[in-house]
Protein backbone atom coordinates (compact mmCIF):
# COMPACT_ATOMS: atom_id res chain seq x y z
CA MET A 1 -6.26 2.62 -3.59
CA VAL A 2 -5.99 2.46 -7.35
CA SER A 3 -3.30 -0.19 -7.10
CA VAL A 4 -5.47 -2.67 -5.22
CA PRO A 5 -7.17 -4.56 -8.11
CA PRO A 6 -4.01 -5.46 -10.09
CA PRO A 7 -2.14 -6.99 -7.15
CA SER A 8 -5.21 -8.82 -5.97
CA ALA A 9 -5.84 -10.12 -9.49
CA LEU A 10 -2.18 -11.24 -9.72
CA TRP A 11 -2.45 -12.94 -6.34
CA THR A 12 -5.60 -14.75 -7.47
CA LEU A 13 -3.91 -15.83 -10.65
CA TRP A 14 -0.88 -17.09 -8.74
CA LYS A 15 -3.08 -19.08 -6.28
CA THR A 16 -5.10 -20.53 -9.20
CA ARG A 17 -1.84 -21.54 -10.98
CA ASN A 18 -0.62 -23.21 -7.79
CA ASP A 19 -3.86 -25.12 -7.50
CA LEU A 20 -3.40 -26.38 -11.04
CA VAL A 21 0.26 -27.27 -10.66
CA PHE A 22 0.24 -28.76 -7.12
CA ASN A 23 -3.35 -29.96 -6.69
CA ALA A 24 -4.35 -30.70 -10.28
CA LYS A 25 -7.42 -28.39 -9.89
CA ILE A 26 -8.57 -27.08 -13.22
CA VAL A 27 -10.58 -23.88 -13.37
CA PRO A 28 -13.78 -24.61 -15.28
CA ALA A 29 -14.03 -21.08 -16.75
CA PRO A 30 -11.92 -17.87 -16.66
CA VAL A 31 -14.79 -16.04 -14.92
CA VAL A 32 -14.01 -18.12 -11.82
CA VAL A 33 -10.78 -16.23 -11.41
CA ILE A 34 -12.72 -12.97 -11.50
CA HIS A 35 -15.10 -14.27 -8.82
CA LYS A 36 -12.18 -15.33 -6.66
CA THR A 37 -10.62 -11.85 -7.02
CA ILE A 38 -13.94 -10.30 -6.02
CA ALA A 39 -14.10 -12.59 -2.97
CA LEU A 40 -10.56 -11.62 -1.98
CA LEU A 41 -11.30 -7.88 -2.31
CA THR A 42 -14.51 -8.29 -0.32
CA GLN A 43 -12.59 -9.96 2.51
CA TRP A 44 -9.86 -7.30 2.52
CA LYS A 45 -12.08 -4.23 2.30
CA ILE A 46 -12.79 -4.29 6.03
CA LEU A 47 -9.10 -3.40 6.51
CA LEU A 48 -9.51 -0.15 4.55
CA LYS A 49 -10.24 3.20 5.97
CA LYS A 50 -13.96 4.06 5.92
CA LYS A 51 -13.61 6.58 3.10
CA ASP A 52 -11.80 3.98 0.98
CA ARG A 53 -14.36 1.25 1.67
CA ALA A 54 -16.97 3.00 -0.39
CA LYS A 55 -14.56 3.23 -3.35
CA MET A 56 -13.75 -0.46 -2.96
CA GLU A 57 -17.44 -1.40 -2.82
CA LEU A 58 -17.97 0.51 -6.03
CA MET A 59 -15.04 -1.21 -7.69
CA ILE A 60 -16.27 -4.61 -6.51
CA GLY A 61 -19.74 -3.78 -7.86
CA GLU A 62 -18.25 -2.87 -11.23
CA MET A 63 -16.17 -6.06 -11.28
CA SER A 64 -19.23 -8.11 -10.43
CA ALA A 65 -21.30 -6.54 -13.16
CA SER A 66 -18.51 -7.19 -15.66
CA ALA A 67 -18.27 -10.81 -14.56
CA LEU A 68 -21.97 -11.30 -15.04
CA SER A 69 -21.80 -9.99 -18.59
CA VAL A 70 -19.14 -12.57 -19.58
């Protein structure tokens, strides 16, 4: 469970990089990458066991709060 955010963040960075390289899409602000990571985690949390979903929701909430303070 602890290893979920770093891989998801790396995946989001990779996809954002591909959008820049192959589609010439420029990210307007770094916080967009954080929001994309939150969206990815939100989509994937339904695949977790019920006991781990609560932890994921807490983690997503913390990430959202951090993103709002940027």
